Amino acid sequence: MKRRQYRINTIATGIVLAMLLGYGIYTFRAPIIHTAGRYLSESVIRQSELLYLPGMLYQEEGRHSLENWVAGEAVKITSFGAFAEKYTVSETDVEDAATYEMILRQQANDENAVDENGKLINGEDNSQQTIHSGVVPIDTSVEKMRDFTYLLSNFYTVDSTTMIREDELRGEELLAKNMKINMETGGPKILIYHTHSQEMFADSVPGDPSTSIVGVGDYLTTLLNDTYHIPTIHHTGVYDLIDGKLDRSKAYDMAKPDIQRILEENPSIEVVIDLHRDGVGENTHLVTEVNGKQTAQIMFFNGLSKTRANGEIDYLANPYIQENLAFSLQMQVAAYEKYPGFARRIYLRGYRYNMHFMPKSLLVEAGAQTNTVEEMKNAMEILAELLNGVLIG
């Protein structure tokens, strides 16, 4: 009975998409042909898998379905973008409690893993993502930003577990979105917090939070308040310690109620920034020179609430994905134009990362464990200046 239904589904899907292809050919509309062809290919793969290889739908960790295999091979031969193949996601079609827990773990551990002492376990050498020497700026003209291939190739790293379509990444539209905040009303405008508060640096002092990512957040908060006069509050809640031990497995979920409460108590807040530091190989130093000072590089990070394996993750929905993308791209362009070499490519990943709280939500990976605290603070000076430029103008 199930196989008959799969055959019916396949036939019905083929008929509908054939009609779309025919219409596209008749009207010479290439986008319709492209989109219909893509969905037809995906549907054929999926239905064939269900019909002939049902045992592949539920795999042990580390094994892939036919659809994922094809997607992986496509990634290898794609001619644009820098696709980072770092993670494996087990496929599941069931939105049950176990699946939800798996999603939360994947979301929490997608950054480079650390042990209970905060030491990097499997750090990736991300030096190839540092694509600017600081001499030749990237062309950010409107004409270039309309080109999806150019935009993806020069501004983004797309994780191999996710994907982004041309209709989701229209550079001209993202840059045209109004990211300005209303400074005429009272109350705080920016909230800074840390999902991973225990992140440290090369010369951090154990037990001294002023030398951790929290201390760096304090400095950014001071700059925004005192130098740029943008009312900013800094939340220092801890979400990556459980029973006194480092545990990131539920950090995003644990942070959620506190962030929601802060936003409810402070309705004037328009910007939410989750400030992190990245993890890299011990021989990698993410640093550039700005105004004669050694400065840690930063990377903006966006969650798309979908993966290749799971598709749209409805229970991690984010109605503000386009606004999130606009915010990070406008920050990236501002950095490219004024401080080439300061910002690494924007990283696109599959989950949500609590970026659904506000349209203007930003996840920043500033430096890494190999940077010094001074290099991090120098980076906050540039980040504060860029935030002021994008949010105030």
Protein backbone atom coordinates (compact mmCIF):
# COMPACT_ATOMS: atom_id res chain seq x y z
CA MET A 1 0.00 0.00 0.00
CA LYS A 2 2.80 2.39 0.92
CA ARG A 3 4.66 1.68 -2.30
CA ARG A 4 1.53 2.33 -4.31
CA GLN A 5 1.16 5.68 -2.54
CA TYR A 6 4.80 6.54 -3.26
CA ARG A 7 4.21 5.75 -6.96
CA ILE A 8 1.11 7.95 -6.97
CA ASN A 9 3.02 10.76 -5.26
CA THR A 10 5.84 10.49 -7.77
CA ILE A 11 3.50 10.50 -10.77
CA ALA A 12 1.47 13.41 -9.41
CA THR A 13 4.59 15.44 -8.63
CA GLY A 14 6.00 14.71 -12.09
CA ILE A 15 2.80 15.85 -13.80
CA VAL A 16 2.66 19.13 -11.88
CA LEU A 17 6.32 19.93 -12.45
CA ALA A 18 6.12 18.95 -16.12
CA MET A 19 3.31 21.49 -16.46
CA LEU A 20 5.50 24.14 -14.83
CA LEU A 21 8.38 23.27 -17.17
CA GLY A 22 6.05 23.48 -20.16
CA TYR A 23 4.77 26.85 -19.03
CA GLY A 24 8.33 28.07 -18.52
CA ILE A 25 9.35 26.97 -21.99
CA TYR A 26 6.24 28.54 -23.51
CA THR A 27 6.85 31.89 -21.85
CA PHE A 28 10.69 31.78 -22.07
CA ARG A 29 10.97 32.31 -18.34
CA ALA A 30 14.27 30.75 -17.32
CA PRO A 31 13.73 31.09 -13.54
CA ILE A 32 10.58 28.93 -13.75
CA ILE A 33 12.45 26.29 -15.75
CA HIS A 34 15.34 26.34 -13.28
CA THR A 35 13.13 26.12 -10.19
CA ALA A 36 10.85 23.44 -11.60
CA GLY A 37 13.81 21.37 -12.73
CA ARG A 38 15.40 21.59 -9.31
CA TYR A 39 12.25 20.51 -7.49
CA LEU A 40 11.64 17.72 -10.00
CA SER A 41 15.14 16.37 -9.37
CA GLU A 42 14.69 16.55 -5.61
CA SER A 43 11.29 14.88 -5.79
CA VAL A 44 12.51 12.02 -7.99
CA ILE A 45 15.41 11.34 -5.63
CA ARG A 46 13.19 11.45 -2.58
CA GLN A 47 10.40 9.26 -3.96
CA SER A 48 12.87 6.75 -5.42
CA GLU A 49 14.52 6.52 -2.03
CA LEU A 50 11.19 5.91 -0.32
CA LEU A 51 10.15 3.32 -2.89
CA TYR A 52 13.32 1.32 -3.38
CA LEU A 53 15.55 2.08 -0.41
CA PRO A 54 13.28 2.53 2.62
CA GLY A 55 15.95 1.15 4.90
CA MET A 56 18.15 4.14 4.19
CA LEU A 57 15.70 6.60 5.72
CA TYR A 58 16.87 5.94 9.25
CA GLN A 59 20.62 5.65 9.50
CA GLU A 60 23.17 5.22 12.21
CA GLU A 61 25.20 8.35 12.86
CA GLY A 62 27.78 8.93 10.15
CA ARG A 63 25.84 7.27 7.30
CA HIS A 64 23.93 9.15 4.62
CA SER A 65 20.81 8.77 2.54
CA LEU A 66 20.89 8.80 -1.25
CA GLU A 67 19.65 12.39 -1.27
CA ASN A 68 22.43 13.49 1.08
CA TRP A 69 25.03 11.63 -0.99
CA VAL A 70 23.92 13.41 -4.16
CA ALA A 71 23.88 16.74 -2.30
CA GLY A 72 27.37 16.12 -0.97
CA GLU A 73 28.71 15.32 -4.42
CA ALA A 74 27.06 18.46 -5.77
CA VAL A 75 28.81 20.52 -3.13
CA LYS A 76 32.18 19.22 -4.26
CA ILE A 77 31.73 20.36 -7.85
CA THR A 78 29.89 23.64 -7.21
CA SER A 79 31.86 26.46 -8.80
CA PHE A 80 30.88 29.29 -6.49
CA GLY A 81 31.08 29.96 -2.79
CA ALA A 82 33.32 28.48 -0.15
CA PHE A 83 31.54 25.42 1.20
CA ALA A 84 32.89 24.18 4.53
CA GLU A 85 32.43 20.44 4.92
CA LYS A 86 32.85 20.15 8.68
CA TYR A 87 29.84 18.41 10.12
CA THR A 88 27.59 15.38 9.71
CA VAL A 89 23.86 15.52 10.52
CA SER A 90 21.83 12.34 10.93
CA GLU A 91 18.68 12.45 8.84
CA THR A 92 15.28 12.11 10.48
CA ASP A 93 11.76 12.60 9.20
CA VAL A 94 10.06 12.52 12.59
CA GLU A 95 9.58 15.70 14.61
CA ASP A 96 9.58 13.95 17.97
CA ALA A 97 11.29 14.68 21.28
CA ALA A 98 14.42 12.74 20.32
CA THR A 99 14.72 14.67 17.06
CA TYR A 100 14.30 17.97 18.88
CA GLU A 101 17.03 17.03 21.36
CA MET A 102 19.31 16.05 18.48
CA ILE A 103 18.69 19.41 16.77
CA LEU A 104 19.48 21.29 19.97
CA ARG A 105 22.72 19.36 20.42
CA GLN A 106 23.76 19.97 16.83
CA GLN A 107 22.93 23.66 17.15
CA ALA A 108 24.85 24.02 20.40
CA ASN A 109 27.91 22.08 19.22
CA ASP A 110 28.21 23.43 15.69
CA GLU A 111 31.06 25.67 16.69
CA ASN A 112 34.41 24.00 17.22
CA ALA A 113 34.08 21.66 20.18
CA VAL A 114 35.92 22.20 23.45
CA ASP A 115 36.51 19.90 26.40
CA GLU A 116 35.45 20.48 30.00
CA ASN A 117 38.50 22.72 30.52
CA GLY A 118 37.66 24.87 27.53
CA LYS A 119 40.45 23.47 25.35
CA LEU A 120 39.80 23.04 21.64
CA ILE A 121 39.17 19.42 20.64
CA ASN A 122 38.90 19.37 16.86
CA GLY A 123 39.65 22.90 15.80
CA GLU A 124 39.55 23.64 12.09
CA ASP A 125 42.26 25.75 10.52
CA ASN A 126 40.10 28.55 9.16
CA SER A 127 42.96 30.62 7.83
CA GLN A 128 41.72 30.15 4.26
CA GLN A 129 38.59 32.06 5.24
CA THR A 130 40.73 35.15 5.82
CA ILE A 131 40.39 36.22 2.23
CA HIS A 132 41.51 39.85 2.30
CA SER A 133 45.02 41.14 2.67
CA GLY A 134 43.85 44.57 3.70
CA VAL A 135 45.11 46.08 0.43
CA VAL A 136 42.48 45.36 -2.23
CA PRO A 137 38.87 46.05 -1.15
CA ILE A 138 35.95 44.07 -2.51
CA ASP A 139 33.66 45.73 -5.07
CA THR A 140 30.38 46.47 -3.26
CA SER A 141 28.66 48.37 -6.06
CA VAL A 142 24.93 47.83 -6.61
CA GLU A 143 25.62 46.10 -9.92
CA LYS A 144 27.89 43.54 -8.27
CA MET A 145 25.55 43.01 -5.32
CA ARG A 146 22.76 42.03 -7.74
CA ASP A 147 24.84 39.08 -8.92
CA PHE A 148 24.03 36.05 -6.74
CA THR A 149 27.16 34.13 -7.77
CA TYR A 150 29.42 37.11 -7.09
CA LEU A 151 27.72 37.78 -3.76
CA LEU A 152 28.01 34.18 -2.60
CA SER A 153 31.59 33.83 -3.80
CA ASN A 154 32.91 36.94 -2.10
CA PHE A 155 30.81 37.42 1.01
CA TYR A 156 29.72 34.01 2.30
CA THR A 157 30.83 30.61 3.48
CA VAL A 158 27.93 28.13 3.23
CA ASP A 159 28.15 25.10 5.46
CA SER A 160 27.74 21.81 3.60
CA THR A 161 24.79 20.83 5.83
CA THR A 162 22.65 23.67 4.52
CA MET A 163 21.90 25.60 1.35
CA ILE A 164 20.65 29.00 0.26
CA ARG A 165 18.69 29.87 -2.88
CA GLU A 166 19.05 32.90 -5.09
CA ASP A 167 15.62 34.21 -4.05
CA GLU A 168 16.77 34.15 -0.39
CA LEU A 169 19.94 36.13 -0.98
CA ARG A 170 19.22 39.22 -3.06
CA GLY A 171 22.07 41.56 -2.22
CA GLU A 172 20.49 44.76 -3.51
CA GLU A 173 17.31 44.15 -1.47
CA LEU A 174 19.21 43.21 1.68
CA LEU A 175 21.33 46.34 1.49
CA ALA A 176 18.20 48.47 0.96
CA LYS A 177 16.51 47.30 4.17
CA ASN A 178 16.38 49.99 6.85
CA MET A 179 18.55 48.93 9.78
CA LYS A 180 18.44 52.30 11.56
CA ILE A 181 17.29 52.43 15.18
CA ASN A 182 15.02 55.07 16.71
CA MET A 183 17.15 57.22 19.00
CA GLU A 184 14.29 59.61 19.76
CA THR A 185 12.69 57.25 22.26
CA GLY A 186 14.16 56.47 25.67
CA GLY A 187 15.46 53.22 27.08
CA PRO A 188 18.19 50.80 25.99
CA LYS A 189 18.56 50.10 22.27
CA ILE A 190 21.08 47.24 22.18
CA LEU A 191 21.31 44.03 24.21
CA ILE A 192 24.64 42.17 24.30
CA TYR A 193 24.85 38.67 25.77
CA HIS A 194 26.88 35.46 25.46
CA THR A 195 25.45 32.01 24.84
CA HIS A 196 28.99 30.72 25.53
CA SER A 197 30.22 32.84 28.42
CA GLN A 198 33.21 30.62 29.25
CA GLU A 199 35.14 31.31 26.06
CA MET A 200 38.70 32.43 26.82
CA PHE A 201 41.76 33.72 24.95
CA ALA A 202 45.50 33.06 24.70
CA ASP A 203 46.36 35.21 27.73
CA SER A 204 43.11 34.93 29.69
CA VAL A 205 43.44 34.49 33.44
CA PRO A 206 41.50 31.46 34.74
CA GLY A 207 38.69 32.57 37.00
CA ASP A 208 38.87 36.20 35.83
CA PRO A 209 35.80 36.94 33.67
CA SER A 210 37.24 40.31 32.69
CA THR A 211 39.71 38.42 30.49
CA SER A 212 37.01 36.20 28.91
CA ILE A 213 34.45 36.89 26.20
CA VAL A 214 32.33 38.48 28.95
CA GLY A 215 35.05 41.05 29.62
CA VAL A 216 35.27 41.75 25.89
CA GLY A 217 31.48 42.25 25.92
CA ASP A 218 31.87 44.71 28.79
CA TYR A 219 34.30 46.73 26.70
CA LEU A 220 31.98 46.75 23.66
CA THR A 221 29.11 47.87 25.90
CA THR A 222 31.21 50.73 27.30
CA LEU A 223 32.21 51.87 23.82
CA LEU A 224 28.61 51.91 22.59
CA ASN A 225 27.36 53.75 25.67
CA ASP A 226 30.16 56.27 26.22
CA THR A 227 31.69 56.83 22.77
CA TYR A 228 28.67 56.51 20.49
CA HIS A 229 25.92 57.24 23.03
CA ILE A 230 23.81 54.28 22.01
CA PRO A 231 22.10 53.00 25.19
CA THR A 232 23.31 49.41 25.58
CA ILE A 233 22.89 46.78 28.28
CA HIS A 234 25.12 43.77 28.83
CA HIS A 235 23.62 40.54 30.11
CA THR A 236 26.21 38.22 31.67
CA GLY A 237 24.09 35.14 32.31
CA VAL A 238 25.88 31.77 32.14
CA TYR A 239 24.39 29.06 29.91
CA ASP A 240 27.33 26.78 29.10
CA LEU A 241 27.98 25.47 32.61
CA ILE A 242 25.92 22.62 34.08
CA ASP A 243 26.70 21.56 37.65
CA GLY A 244 29.90 23.56 37.42
CA LYS A 245 31.15 21.76 34.30
CA LEU A 246 31.40 23.10 30.78
CA ASP A 247 28.44 21.81 28.75
CA ARG A 248 27.18 23.56 25.63
CA SER A 249 24.61 20.93 24.66
CA LYS A 250 21.63 23.07 25.68
CA ALA A 251 23.18 26.53 25.89
CA TYR A 252 20.95 28.17 23.29
CA ASP A 253 17.83 26.66 24.80
CA MET A 254 18.86 27.65 28.31
CA ALA A 255 19.52 31.25 27.25
CA LYS A 256 16.16 31.64 25.53
CA PRO A 257 13.85 32.39 28.53
CA ASP A 258 16.23 34.96 30.02
CA ILE A 259 16.64 36.80 26.72
CA GLN A 260 12.88 36.79 26.18
CA ARG A 261 12.35 38.19 29.69
CA ILE A 262 14.91 40.98 29.17
CA LEU A 263 13.25 41.98 25.90
CA GLU A 264 9.80 42.00 27.50
CA GLU A 265 11.09 44.19 30.34
CA ASN A 266 12.88 46.51 27.89
CA PRO A 267 10.60 47.01 24.86
CA SER A 268 12.87 49.80 23.58
CA ILE A 269 15.59 47.28 22.63
CA GLU A 270 15.92 46.97 18.86
CA VAL A 271 19.22 45.11 18.47
CA VAL A 272 20.34 41.79 20.00
CA ILE A 273 24.00 40.74 19.74
CA ASP A 274 25.26 37.31 20.80
CA LEU A 275 29.02 37.78 21.13
CA HIS A 276 31.27 34.71 20.79
CA ARG A 277 34.82 33.85 19.94
CA ASP A 278 35.64 31.18 17.36
CA GLY A 279 37.82 28.09 17.69
CA VAL A 280 40.68 27.48 15.23
CA GLY A 281 43.76 25.33 14.88
CA GLU A 282 46.52 26.33 17.28
CA ASN A 283 48.71 27.54 14.39
CA THR A 284 46.05 29.93 13.11
CA HIS A 285 46.01 33.54 14.25
CA LEU A 286 42.99 35.55 13.12
CA VAL A 287 44.53 39.00 13.21
CA THR A 288 44.84 42.05 10.98
CA GLU A 289 46.32 45.49 11.47
CA VAL A 290 43.91 48.39 11.89
CA ASN A 291 45.11 51.92 12.68
CA GLY A 292 48.52 50.50 13.55
CA LYS A 293 47.11 48.04 16.12
CA GLN A 294 46.96 44.26 16.02
CA THR A 295 43.25 43.52 15.79
CA ALA A 296 41.34 40.23 15.97
CA GLN A 297 39.26 39.49 12.91
CA ILE A 298 35.53 38.93 13.25
CA MET A 299 32.96 36.77 11.47
CA PHE A 300 29.21 37.29 11.28
CA PHE A 301 27.15 34.11 11.55
CA ASN A 302 23.60 33.51 10.26
CA GLY A 303 21.25 30.62 10.93
CA LEU A 304 18.81 29.65 8.18
CA SER A 305 16.51 27.30 10.18
CA LYS A 306 16.87 24.54 7.60
CA THR A 307 19.30 21.76 6.75
CA ARG A 308 19.83 19.50 3.76
CA ALA A 309 18.89 16.49 5.87
CA ASN A 310 15.83 17.90 7.66
CA GLY A 311 14.62 20.66 5.32
CA GLU A 312 12.80 23.55 6.96
CA ILE A 313 12.98 23.16 10.74
CA ASP A 314 9.50 24.36 11.64
CA TYR A 315 9.99 24.07 15.39
CA LEU A 316 13.04 26.30 15.15
CA ALA A 317 11.28 28.83 12.95
CA ASN A 318 12.63 32.34 12.50
CA PRO A 319 10.38 34.96 10.86
CA TYR A 320 13.30 37.40 10.68
CA ILE A 321 15.78 35.49 8.53
CA GLN A 322 15.80 38.11 5.79
CA GLU A 323 16.27 40.92 8.29
CA ASN A 324 19.05 38.95 10.00
CA LEU A 325 20.75 38.48 6.63
CA ALA A 326 20.34 42.18 5.82
CA PHE A 327 21.93 43.21 9.13
CA SER A 328 25.00 41.00 8.76
CA LEU A 329 25.47 41.91 5.08
CA GLN A 330 25.26 45.64 5.80
CA MET A 331 27.81 45.21 8.58
CA GLN A 332 30.02 43.14 6.25
CA VAL A 333 29.88 45.73 3.47
CA ALA A 334 30.68 48.51 5.94
CA ALA A 335 33.71 46.52 7.12
CA TYR A 336 34.88 45.74 3.59
CA GLU A 337 34.64 49.37 2.55
CA LYS A 338 36.37 50.88 5.57
CA TYR A 339 38.55 48.10 7.02
CA PRO A 340 39.32 45.44 4.41
CA GLY A 341 40.65 42.34 6.12
CA PHE A 342 38.80 42.90 9.39
CA ALA A 343 35.73 40.77 8.63
CA ARG A 344 35.95 37.17 7.46
CA ARG A 345 33.18 35.80 5.24
CA ILE A 346 29.69 35.57 6.72
CA TYR A 347 29.05 31.99 7.77
CA LEU A 348 25.66 30.43 6.89
CA ARG A 349 24.56 27.42 8.93
CA GLY A 350 21.35 25.44 9.24
CA TYR A 351 19.91 26.11 12.68
CA ARG A 352 18.43 29.16 14.46
CA TYR A 353 20.85 30.23 17.20
CA ASN A 354 18.18 32.35 18.93
CA MET A 355 18.28 34.89 16.12
CA HIS A 356 14.48 34.94 16.06
CA PHE A 357 14.21 37.39 18.97
CA MET A 358 14.61 40.53 16.85
CA PRO A 359 14.83 41.48 13.17
CA LYS A 360 18.16 43.14 13.97
CA SER A 361 19.87 40.13 15.56
CA LEU A 362 23.59 39.57 15.12
CA LEU A 363 25.77 36.61 16.08
CA VAL A 364 29.42 37.66 16.07
CA GLU A 365 32.39 35.29 16.20
CA ALA A 366 35.19 37.65 17.27
CA GLY A 367 38.71 36.28 17.08
CA ALA A 368 39.53 32.84 18.48
CA GLN A 369 41.28 31.14 21.37
CA THR A 370 44.67 32.06 19.84
CA ASN A 371 44.02 35.81 20.03
CA THR A 372 45.02 37.97 22.97
CA VAL A 373 42.59 39.98 25.07
CA GLU A 374 44.14 43.19 23.73
CA GLU A 375 43.57 42.07 20.12
CA MET A 376 39.96 41.33 21.04
CA LYS A 377 39.42 44.73 22.60
CA ASN A 378 40.95 46.40 19.56
CA ALA A 379 38.40 44.49 17.47
CA MET A 380 35.56 45.79 19.67
CA GLU A 381 36.62 49.36 18.86
CA ILE A 382 36.16 48.69 15.15
CA LEU A 383 32.95 46.67 15.70
CA ALA A 384 31.43 49.50 17.75
CA GLU A 385 32.30 52.01 15.03
CA LEU A 386 30.68 49.80 12.35
CA LEU A 387 27.56 49.28 14.48
CA ASN A 388 27.24 53.01 14.89
CA GLY A 389 27.57 53.51 11.15
CA VAL A 390 24.92 50.92 10.23
CA LEU A 391 22.46 51.63 13.07
CA ILE A 392 22.79 55.41 13.30
CA GLY A 393 24.42 56.49 10.04
